[in-house]
Amino acid sequence: MTNSAPGVDGFYPSGLMGRQDPYLQYDEPFQKQVQPGMDPSWVSGPVLDMSADWAPIDICTRGTQGLRLGAKYLLPQEPAETDDAWNRRISKATLSPFTTRIADQAAGLILRKGIQVLPNDYQEVEGAELDPFWDEFCCSVDGRGTSLRAFAQKVLISSLLYGHSVILADMPNVEPAANLREERERGLMPYFAHYDAQQILGWRQSDAGPTSPIDQVRFNEIACEPKGQFGTEHLRQIRIVEPGKWQVWRKNAGGWGIHEEGTTNINKIPVSV
């Protein structure tokens, strides 16, 4: 599968889609003339309900930049205030990123004892040793050199700020290995993909029961692809994950269409919230 890439104008970093909230002026509304059931970019009702509480967090985490971008609503111009005086007031306004610092400190407190990865039978077998594979995996859990602790801290900070986030367990989209030995020889390793709350467009369950499994989940991503001899371009795409299969949709002149798809050998969606 293709992972998300740094964002561009109108998008958050990591492929977070801009929302239509009262403070920040995003380039593209969160919900824009789409039909539920027919358009993969449709944002479900529960996500929209939660997004109403994200605007203040956005302002606080963006600090001074967010305050000045939202000056029209946060620092409105007074009736007798001239444009020059208002712009001067905005240019001197600051907002310290205390919210981000608090979340970072809280995540550090949670992880102060570190994360231990133990063999399955460590309680039954005295002196059971961990497969060296897991030592290697913990040094790069996302396939990009991020350690397990650093990855966990990133997930914790996101969850503390926005209420939740998602980890998707994935494998490289290549020809599958015939067995575990070939997989190890080819260096194929699973990896974790982290999605912030704003990247989750919606999910679907077979029934409304609290223990009902998720049948489908949709993620917003920004893919970075080569362009020309030296350039790159950022493209919005939507990843749809279902038990046993996945799809990546991209928008073209004719609308949204499947760009990439594949199958998996597991009968459930490998996500953790």
C-alpha atoms as a PDB file:
ATOM      1  CA  MET A   1       0.000   0.000   0.000  1.00  0.00           C
ATOM      2  CA  THR A   2       1.010   3.592  -0.464  1.00  0.00           C
ATOM      3  CA  ASN A   3       1.472   5.578   2.694  1.00  0.00           C
ATOM      4  CA  SER A   4       0.608   9.248   3.163  1.00  0.00           C
ATOM      5  CA  ALA A   5       3.086  12.010   2.416  1.00  0.00           C
ATOM      6  CA  PRO A   6       3.617  15.606   3.562  1.00  0.00           C
ATOM      7  CA  GLY A   7       0.687  17.836   2.796  1.00  0.00           C
ATOM      8  CA  VAL A   8       0.279  20.860   0.533  1.00  0.00           C
ATOM      9  CA  ASP A   9      -1.899  23.970   0.541  1.00  0.00           C
ATOM     10  CA  GLY A  10      -5.405  23.131   1.668  1.00  0.00           C
ATOM     11  CA  PHE A  11      -4.301  20.024   3.499  1.00  0.00           C
ATOM     12  CA  TYR A  12      -2.761  19.251   6.838  1.00  0.00           C
ATOM     13  CA  PRO A  13       0.571  17.441   6.973  1.00  0.00           C
ATOM     14  CA  SER A  14       0.207  13.653   6.800  1.00  0.00           C
ATOM     15  CA  GLY A  15      -2.807  13.915   4.528  1.00  0.00           C
ATOM     16  CA  LEU A  16      -5.235  15.503   6.965  1.00  0.00           C
ATOM     17  CA  MET A  17      -8.069  17.079   5.048  1.00  0.00           C
ATOM     18  CA  GLY A  18      -8.953  20.695   5.817  1.00  0.00           C
ATOM     19  CA  ARG A  19     -12.243  21.181   7.629  1.00  0.00           C
ATOM     20  CA  GLN A  20     -14.888  23.834   7.216  1.00  0.00           C
ATOM     21  CA  ASP A  21     -14.798  25.297  10.704  1.00  0.00           C
ATOM     22  CA  PRO A  22     -15.504  28.839  11.869  1.00  0.00           C
ATOM     23  CA  TYR A  23     -11.940  29.979  12.494  1.00  0.00           C
ATOM     24  CA  LEU A  24      -9.478  28.808   9.861  1.00  0.00           C
ATOM     25  CA  GLN A  25     -10.006  29.576   6.188  1.00  0.00           C
ATOM     26  CA  TYR A  26      -9.175  26.308   4.456  1.00  0.00           C
ATOM     27  CA  ASP A  27      -9.006  26.098   0.691  1.00  0.00           C
ATOM     28  CA  GLU A  28     -11.503  23.271   0.449  1.00  0.00           C
ATOM     29  CA  PRO A  29     -14.614  22.574   2.554  1.00  0.00           C
ATOM     30  CA  PHE A  30     -14.770  19.400   4.577  1.00  0.00           C
ATOM     31  CA  GLN A  31     -18.106  18.413   3.024  1.00  0.00           C
ATOM     32  CA  LYS A  32     -18.625  19.601  -0.542  1.00  0.00           C
ATOM     33  CA  GLN A  33     -21.578  18.439  -2.651  1.00  0.00           C
ATOM     34  CA  VAL A  34     -21.006  14.721  -2.322  1.00  0.00           C
ATOM     35  CA  GLN A  35     -23.614  11.993  -2.266  1.00  0.00           C
ATOM     36  CA  PRO A  36     -23.553   9.501   0.595  1.00  0.00           C
ATOM     37  CA  GLY A  37     -23.218   5.953  -0.674  1.00  0.00           C
ATOM     38  CA  MET A  38     -21.810   7.007  -4.035  1.00  0.00           C
ATOM     39  CA  ASP A  39     -18.774   9.148  -3.250  1.00  0.00           C
ATOM     40  CA  PRO A  40     -15.776   7.767  -1.283  1.00  0.00           C
ATOM     41  CA  SER A  41     -14.976  11.257   0.015  1.00  0.00           C
ATOM     42  CA  TRP A  42     -18.290  11.435   1.886  1.00  0.00           C
ATOM     43  CA  VAL A  43     -17.734  12.275   5.537  1.00  0.00           C
ATOM     44  CA  SER A  44     -19.961  10.285   7.879  1.00  0.00           C
ATOM     45  CA  GLY A  45     -22.194  11.913  10.477  1.00  0.00           C
ATOM     46  CA  PRO A  46     -20.218  10.835  13.574  1.00  0.00           C
ATOM     47  CA  VAL A  47     -17.028  12.308  12.089  1.00  0.00           C
ATOM     48  CA  LEU A  48     -18.775  15.602  11.351  1.00  0.00           C
ATOM     49  CA  ASP A  49     -20.128  15.693  14.902  1.00  0.00           C
ATOM     50  CA  MET A  50     -16.652  15.200  16.343  1.00  0.00           C
ATOM     51  CA  SER A  51     -15.023  17.710  13.982  1.00  0.00           C
ATOM     52  CA  ALA A  52     -17.024  20.549  15.549  1.00  0.00           C
ATOM     53  CA  ASP A  53     -14.762  20.287  18.624  1.00  0.00           C
ATOM     54  CA  TRP A  54     -11.498  20.227  16.664  1.00  0.00           C
ATOM     55  CA  ALA A  55     -11.358  23.918  15.671  1.00  0.00           C
ATOM     56  CA  PRO A  56     -10.144  25.210  19.082  1.00  0.00           C
ATOM     57  CA  ILE A  57      -7.480  22.490  19.177  1.00  0.00           C
ATOM     58  CA  ASP A  58      -6.355  23.494  15.680  1.00  0.00           C
ATOM     59  CA  ILE A  59      -5.937  27.081  16.807  1.00  0.00           C
ATOM     60  CA  CYS A  60      -3.996  26.119  19.937  1.00  0.00           C
ATOM     61  CA  THR A  61      -1.688  23.658  18.172  1.00  0.00           C
ATOM     62  CA  ARG A  62      -0.937  26.082  15.351  1.00  0.00           C
ATOM     63  CA  GLY A  63       0.009  28.738  17.863  1.00  0.00           C
ATOM     64  CA  THR A  64       0.790  32.200  16.564  1.00  0.00           C
ATOM     65  CA  GLN A  65       0.314  31.166  12.936  1.00  0.00           C
ATOM     66  CA  GLY A  66      -3.163  29.792  13.647  1.00  0.00           C
ATOM     67  CA  LEU A  67      -4.109  32.887  15.633  1.00  0.00           C
ATOM     68  CA  ARG A  68      -3.108  35.219  12.820  1.00  0.00           C
ATOM     69  CA  LEU A  69      -4.718  33.096  10.114  1.00  0.00           C
ATOM     70  CA  GLY A  70      -7.973  33.167  12.056  1.00  0.00           C
ATOM     71  CA  ALA A  71      -7.665  36.842  12.992  1.00  0.00           C
ATOM     72  CA  LYS A  72     -10.952  37.726  11.282  1.00  0.00           C
ATOM     73  CA  TYR A  73     -12.798  35.638  13.881  1.00  0.00           C
ATOM     74  CA  LEU A  74     -10.393  35.586  16.824  1.00  0.00           C
ATOM     75  CA  LEU A  75      -9.185  39.209  16.653  1.00  0.00           C
ATOM     76  CA  PRO A  76     -12.033  41.031  14.884  1.00  0.00           C
ATOM     77  CA  GLN A  77     -11.512  44.582  13.746  1.00  0.00           C
ATOM     78  CA  GLU A  78     -13.069  47.171  16.054  1.00  0.00           C
ATOM     79  CA  PRO A  79     -15.608  49.629  14.589  1.00  0.00           C
ATOM     80  CA  ALA A  80     -13.301  52.648  14.869  1.00  0.00           C
ATOM     81  CA  GLU A  81     -10.093  50.719  14.149  1.00  0.00           C
ATOM     82  CA  THR A  82      -8.354  51.496  10.869  1.00  0.00           C
ATOM     83  CA  ASP A  83      -7.101  48.740   8.590  1.00  0.00           C
ATOM     84  CA  ASP A  84      -3.486  49.681   9.292  1.00  0.00           C
ATOM     85  CA  ALA A  85      -4.040  49.590  13.053  1.00  0.00           C
ATOM     86  CA  TRP A  86      -5.823  46.237  12.822  1.00  0.00           C
ATOM     87  CA  ASN A  87      -3.088  44.694  10.664  1.00  0.00           C
ATOM     88  CA  ARG A  88      -0.477  46.044  13.066  1.00  0.00           C
ATOM     89  CA  ARG A  89      -2.339  44.459  16.003  1.00  0.00           C
ATOM     90  CA  ILE A  90      -2.517  41.144  14.181  1.00  0.00           C
ATOM     91  CA  SER A  91       1.192  41.215  13.329  1.00  0.00           C
ATOM     92  CA  LYS A  92       2.024  41.588  17.044  1.00  0.00           C
ATOM     93  CA  ALA A  93      -0.436  38.959  18.313  1.00  0.00           C
ATOM     94  CA  THR A  94       1.138  35.758  19.642  1.00  0.00           C
ATOM     95  CA  LEU A  95      -0.144  32.471  21.012  1.00  0.00           C
ATOM     96  CA  SER A  96       2.239  30.161  22.825  1.00  0.00           C
ATOM     97  CA  PRO A  97       1.851  26.450  21.963  1.00  0.00           C
ATOM     98  CA  PHE A  98       1.084  25.406  25.534  1.00  0.00           C
ATOM     99  CA  THR A  99      -1.504  22.825  24.414  1.00  0.00           C
ATOM    100  CA  THR A 100       1.026  20.933  22.310  1.00  0.00           C
ATOM    101  CA  ARG A 101       3.583  21.061  25.115  1.00  0.00           C
ATOM    102  CA  ILE A 102       1.091  19.683  27.640  1.00  0.00           C
ATOM    103  CA  ALA A 103       0.144  16.828  25.297  1.00  0.00           C
ATOM    104  CA  ASP A 104       3.820  16.071  24.680  1.00  0.00           C
ATOM    105  CA  GLN A 105       4.564  15.987  28.408  1.00  0.00           C
ATOM    106  CA  ALA A 106       1.518  13.804  29.096  1.00  0.00           C
ATOM    107  CA  ALA A 107       2.591  11.338  26.412  1.00  0.00           C
ATOM    108  CA  GLY A 108       6.100  11.259  27.880  1.00  0.00           C
ATOM    109  CA  LEU A 109       4.660  10.553  31.324  1.00  0.00           C
ATOM    110  CA  ILE A 110       2.615   7.627  29.968  1.00  0.00           C
ATOM    111  CA  LEU A 111       5.685   6.164  28.260  1.00  0.00           C
ATOM    112  CA  ARG A 112       8.149   6.890  31.065  1.00  0.00           C
ATOM    113  CA  LYS A 113       8.692   3.169  31.800  1.00  0.00           C
ATOM    114  CA  GLY A 114       9.169   2.275  28.165  1.00  0.00           C
ATOM    115  CA  ILE A 115       7.463  -0.376  26.054  1.00  0.00           C
ATOM    116  CA  GLN A 116       8.375  -4.020  26.536  1.00  0.00           C
ATOM    117  CA  VAL A 117       7.898  -6.552  23.748  1.00  0.00           C
ATOM    118  CA  LEU A 118       7.758 -10.051  25.251  1.00  0.00           C
ATOM    119  CA  PRO A 119       7.455 -13.529  23.702  1.00  0.00           C
ATOM    120  CA  ASN A 120       3.994 -15.097  23.765  1.00  0.00           C
ATOM    121  CA  ASP A 121       5.057 -17.834  26.153  1.00  0.00           C
ATOM    122  CA  TYR A 122       7.129 -15.712  28.549  1.00  0.00           C
ATOM    123  CA  GLN A 123       4.812 -16.623  31.449  1.00  0.00           C
ATOM    124  CA  GLU A 124       4.861 -20.376  30.791  1.00  0.00           C
ATOM    125  CA  VAL A 125       8.483 -20.860  29.687  1.00  0.00           C
ATOM    126  CA  GLU A 126      11.205 -19.595  31.987  1.00  0.00           C
ATOM    127  CA  GLY A 127      13.917 -17.791  30.079  1.00  0.00           C
ATOM    128  CA  ALA A 128      11.884 -17.617  26.853  1.00  0.00           C
ATOM    129  CA  GLU A 129      13.699 -15.505  24.284  1.00  0.00           C
ATOM    130  CA  LEU A 130      12.185 -13.023  21.888  1.00  0.00           C
ATOM    131  CA  ASP A 131      12.577 -13.659  18.164  1.00  0.00           C
ATOM    132  CA  PRO A 132      15.280 -11.287  16.812  1.00  0.00           C
ATOM    133  CA  PHE A 133      12.727 -10.259  14.182  1.00  0.00           C
ATOM    134  CA  TRP A 134      10.918  -8.156  16.782  1.00  0.00           C
ATOM    135  CA  ASP A 135      14.078  -6.296  17.778  1.00  0.00           C
ATOM    136  CA  GLU A 136      14.502  -5.298  14.146  1.00  0.00           C
ATOM    137  CA  PHE A 137      10.833  -4.396  13.801  1.00  0.00           C
ATOM    138  CA  CYS A 138      10.851  -2.190  16.910  1.00  0.00           C
ATOM    139  CA  CYS A 139      13.659  -0.122  15.411  1.00  0.00           C
ATOM    140  CA  SER A 140      11.479   0.807  12.408  1.00  0.00           C
ATOM    141  CA  VAL A 141       7.802   0.153  13.096  1.00  0.00           C
ATOM    142  CA  ASP A 142       6.615   2.390  10.236  1.00  0.00           C
ATOM    143  CA  GLY A 143       9.196   1.267   7.678  1.00  0.00           C
ATOM    144  CA  ARG A 144      10.801   4.705   7.816  1.00  0.00           C
ATOM    145  CA  GLY A 145      13.177   4.266  10.719  1.00  0.00           C
ATOM    146  CA  THR A 146      10.823   5.368  13.510  1.00  0.00           C
ATOM    147  CA  SER A 147      11.333   3.445  16.730  1.00  0.00           C
ATOM    148  CA  LEU A 148       8.410   1.891  18.590  1.00  0.00           C
ATOM    149  CA  ARG A 149       8.628   4.462  21.399  1.00  0.00           C
ATOM    150  CA  ALA A 150       8.796   7.460  19.054  1.00  0.00           C
ATOM    151  CA  PHE A 151       5.871   6.107  17.049  1.00  0.00           C
ATOM    152  CA  ALA A 152       3.838   5.479  20.209  1.00  0.00           C
ATOM    153  CA  GLN A 153       4.515   9.014  21.440  1.00  0.00           C
ATOM    154  CA  LYS A 154       3.306  10.471  18.141  1.00  0.00           C
ATOM    155  CA  VAL A 155       0.113   8.391  18.338  1.00  0.00           C
ATOM    156  CA  LEU A 156      -0.448   9.377  21.963  1.00  0.00           C
ATOM    157  CA  ILE A 157      -0.049  13.107  21.295  1.00  0.00           C
ATOM    158  CA  SER A 158      -2.510  12.936  18.408  1.00  0.00           C
ATOM    159  CA  SER A 159      -5.009  10.967  20.505  1.00  0.00           C
ATOM    160  CA  LEU A 160      -4.710  13.298  23.489  1.00  0.00           C
ATOM    161  CA  LEU A 161      -5.346  16.338  21.301  1.00  0.00           C
ATOM    162  CA  TYR A 162      -8.163  15.030  19.111  1.00  0.00           C
ATOM    163  CA  GLY A 163      -9.646  12.201  21.167  1.00  0.00           C
ATOM    164  CA  HIS A 164      -8.452   9.236  19.120  1.00  0.00           C
ATOM    165  CA  SER A 165      -6.313   8.088  16.218  1.00  0.00           C
ATOM    166  CA  VAL A 166      -5.867   4.868  14.275  1.00  0.00           C
ATOM    167  CA  ILE A 167      -2.975   2.480  13.640  1.00  0.00           C
ATOM    168  CA  LEU A 168      -3.263   0.308  10.544  1.00  0.00           C
ATOM    169  CA  ALA A 169      -1.039  -2.778  10.296  1.00  0.00           C
ATOM    170  CA  ASP A 170       0.089  -3.173   6.704  1.00  0.00           C
ATOM    171  CA  MET A 171       2.534  -4.938   4.395  1.00  0.00           C
ATOM    172  CA  PRO A 172       4.413  -3.632   1.331  1.00  0.00           C
ATOM    173  CA  ASN A 173       2.371  -3.937  -1.863  1.00  0.00           C
ATOM    174  CA  VAL A 174       4.661  -6.400  -3.649  1.00  0.00           C
ATOM    175  CA  GLU A 175       4.482  -9.992  -4.835  1.00  0.00           C
ATOM    176  CA  PRO A 176       3.831 -12.012  -1.663  1.00  0.00           C
ATOM    177  CA  ALA A 177       6.453 -14.447  -0.445  1.00  0.00           C
ATOM    178  CA  ALA A 178       5.787 -18.174  -0.652  1.00  0.00           C
ATOM    179  CA  ASN A 179       6.752 -18.725   2.978  1.00  0.00           C
ATOM    180  CA  LEU A 180       8.191 -17.010   6.036  1.00  0.00           C
ATOM    181  CA  ARG A 181      11.773 -17.871   5.106  1.00  0.00           C
ATOM    182  CA  GLU A 182      11.465 -16.198   1.705  1.00  0.00           C
ATOM    183  CA  GLU A 183       9.772 -13.229   3.336  1.00  0.00           C
ATOM    184  CA  ARG A 184      12.707 -12.768   5.710  1.00  0.00           C
ATOM    185  CA  GLU A 185      15.257 -13.229   2.906  1.00  0.00           C
ATOM    186  CA  ARG A 186      13.545 -10.551   0.804  1.00  0.00           C
ATOM    187  CA  GLY A 187      13.401  -8.193   3.754  1.00  0.00           C
ATOM    188  CA  LEU A 188       9.623  -7.904   3.659  1.00  0.00           C
ATOM    189  CA  MET A 189       8.342  -6.617   6.970  1.00  0.00           C
ATOM    190  CA  PRO A 190       4.974  -5.421   8.224  1.00  0.00           C
ATOM    191  CA  TYR A 191       4.681  -1.811   9.280  1.00  0.00           C
ATOM    192  CA  PHE A 192       2.327   0.505  11.145  1.00  0.00           C
ATOM    193  CA  ALA A 193       0.580   3.378   9.395  1.00  0.00           C
ATOM    194  CA  HIS A 194      -0.733   6.104  11.699  1.00  0.00           C
ATOM    195  CA  TYR A 195      -3.876   8.079  10.837  1.00  0.00           C
ATOM    196  CA  ASP A 196      -4.938  11.126  12.823  1.00  0.00           C
ATOM    197  CA  ALA A 197      -8.594  11.616  13.688  1.00  0.00           C
ATOM    198  CA  GLN A 198      -9.034  14.142  10.868  1.00  0.00           C
ATOM    199  CA  GLN A 199      -7.920  11.581   8.282  1.00  0.00           C
ATOM    200  CA  ILE A 200     -10.782   9.225   9.106  1.00  0.00           C
ATOM    201  CA  LEU A 201     -13.630   9.957   6.690  1.00  0.00           C
ATOM    202  CA  GLY A 202     -15.979   7.306   8.030  1.00  0.00           C
ATOM    203  CA  TRP A 203     -16.550   3.680   8.898  1.00  0.00           C
ATOM    204  CA  ARG A 204     -19.307   1.123   8.563  1.00  0.00           C
ATOM    205  CA  GLN A 205     -20.527  -1.708  10.774  1.00  0.00           C
ATOM    206  CA  SER A 206     -22.876  -4.584   9.981  1.00  0.00           C
ATOM    207  CA  ASP A 207     -25.097  -3.611  12.922  1.00  0.00           C
ATOM    208  CA  ALA A 208     -25.242  -1.002  15.659  1.00  0.00           C
ATOM    209  CA  GLY A 209     -24.070  -3.300  18.452  1.00  0.00           C
ATOM    210  CA  PRO A 210     -21.091  -2.053  20.499  1.00  0.00           C
ATOM    211  CA  THR A 211     -19.098  -5.226  19.765  1.00  0.00           C
ATOM    212  CA  SER A 212     -20.027  -5.386  16.091  1.00  0.00           C
ATOM    213  CA  PRO A 213     -16.892  -5.620  13.892  1.00  0.00           C
ATOM    214  CA  ILE A 214     -16.046  -2.845  11.455  1.00  0.00           C
ATOM    215  CA  ASP A 215     -16.830  -3.818   7.864  1.00  0.00           C
ATOM    216  CA  GLN A 216     -15.245  -0.801   6.181  1.00  0.00           C
ATOM    217  CA  VAL A 217     -13.124   2.211   7.061  1.00  0.00           C
ATOM    218  CA  ARG A 218     -12.034   5.098   4.819  1.00  0.00           C
ATOM    219  CA  PHE A 219      -8.869   7.187   5.257  1.00  0.00           C
ATOM    220  CA  ASN A 220      -7.878  10.436   3.587  1.00  0.00           C
ATOM    221  CA  GLU A 221      -4.264  10.505   2.367  1.00  0.00           C
ATOM    222  CA  ILE A 222      -1.878  12.705   0.411  1.00  0.00           C
ATOM    223  CA  ALA A 223       0.410  10.733  -1.892  1.00  0.00           C
ATOM    224  CA  CYS A 224       3.690  12.186  -3.147  1.00  0.00           C
ATOM    225  CA  GLU A 225       4.681  11.028  -6.634  1.00  0.00           C
ATOM    226  CA  PRO A 226       7.504  11.946  -9.064  1.00  0.00           C
ATOM    227  CA  LYS A 227       6.754  14.542 -11.734  1.00  0.00           C
ATOM    228  CA  GLY A 228       9.090  15.170 -14.616  1.00  0.00           C
ATOM    229  CA  GLN A 229      12.796  14.762 -14.185  1.00  0.00           C
ATOM    230  CA  PHE A 230      13.160  16.465 -10.812  1.00  0.00           C
ATOM    231  CA  GLY A 231       9.778  17.477  -9.415  1.00  0.00           C
ATOM    232  CA  THR A 232       7.107  15.873  -7.297  1.00  0.00           C
ATOM    233  CA  GLU A 233       3.376  16.355  -6.994  1.00  0.00           C
ATOM    234  CA  HIS A 234       0.948  15.779  -4.152  1.00  0.00           C
ATOM    235  CA  LEU A 235      -2.273  13.967  -4.909  1.00  0.00           C
ATOM    236  CA  ARG A 236      -5.256  13.403  -2.657  1.00  0.00           C
ATOM    237  CA  GLN A 237      -6.361   9.805  -2.414  1.00  0.00           C
ATOM    238  CA  ILE A 238      -8.801   7.843  -0.286  1.00  0.00           C
ATOM    239  CA  ARG A 239      -7.903   4.440   1.091  1.00  0.00           C
ATOM    240  CA  ILE A 240     -10.781   2.039   1.674  1.00  0.00           C
ATOM    241  CA  VAL A 241     -10.013  -0.984   3.838  1.00  0.00           C
ATOM    242  CA  GLU A 242     -12.387  -3.937   4.200  1.00  0.00           C
ATOM    243  CA  PRO A 243     -11.889  -7.473   5.521  1.00  0.00           C
ATOM    244  CA  GLY A 244      -9.724  -9.291   2.995  1.00  0.00           C
ATOM    245  CA  LYS A 245      -9.291  -6.395   0.552  1.00  0.00           C
ATOM    246  CA  TRP A 246      -8.324  -2.743   0.092  1.00  0.00           C
ATOM    247  CA  GLN A 247      -8.696  -0.035  -2.531  1.00  0.00           C
ATOM    248  CA  VAL A 248      -7.143   3.359  -3.229  1.00  0.00           C
ATOM    249  CA  TRP A 249      -9.386   5.875  -5.004  1.00  0.00           C
ATOM    250  CA  ARG A 250      -8.252   9.016  -6.816  1.00  0.00           C
ATOM    251  CA  LYS A 251     -10.201  11.750  -8.518  1.00  0.00           C
ATOM    252  CA  ASN A 252      -9.824  12.507 -12.219  1.00  0.00           C
ATOM    253  CA  ALA A 253     -11.831  14.380 -14.847  1.00  0.00           C
ATOM    254  CA  GLY A 254     -14.579  11.781 -14.678  1.00  0.00           C
ATOM    255  CA  GLY A 255     -14.793  11.763 -10.889  1.00  0.00           C
ATOM    256  CA  TRP A 256     -13.532   9.320  -8.292  1.00  0.00           C
ATOM    257  CA  GLY A 257     -12.198   5.991  -9.529  1.00  0.00           C
ATOM    258  CA  ILE A 258     -10.130   3.052  -8.297  1.00  0.00           C
ATOM    259  CA  HIS A 259      -6.423   3.760  -8.711  1.00  0.00           C
ATOM    260  CA  GLU A 260      -5.072   0.681  -6.958  1.00  0.00           C
ATOM    261  CA  GLU A 261      -6.522  -2.348  -5.217  1.00  0.00           C
ATOM    262  CA  GLY A 262      -5.535  -5.655  -3.711  1.00  0.00           C
ATOM    263  CA  THR A 263      -6.427  -8.453  -1.343  1.00  0.00           C
ATOM    264  CA  THR A 264      -5.173  -9.666   2.027  1.00  0.00           C
ATOM    265  CA  ASN A 265      -5.162 -13.065   3.687  1.00  0.00           C
ATOM    266  CA  ILE A 266      -6.961 -11.946   6.851  1.00  0.00           C
ATOM    267  CA  ASN A 267     -10.713 -11.762   7.359  1.00  0.00           C
ATOM    268  CA  LYS A 268     -10.765  -8.615   9.477  1.00  0.00           C
ATOM    269  CA  ILE A 269      -9.543  -5.032   9.232  1.00  0.00           C
ATOM    270  CA  PRO A 270      -6.134  -4.789  10.989  1.00  0.00           C
ATOM    271  CA  VAL A 271      -6.724  -1.476  12.757  1.00  0.00           C
ATOM    272  CA  SER A 272      -6.399  -0.358  16.339  1.00  0.00           C
ATOM    273  CA  VAL A 273      -8.031   2.819  17.637  1.00  0.00           C
END
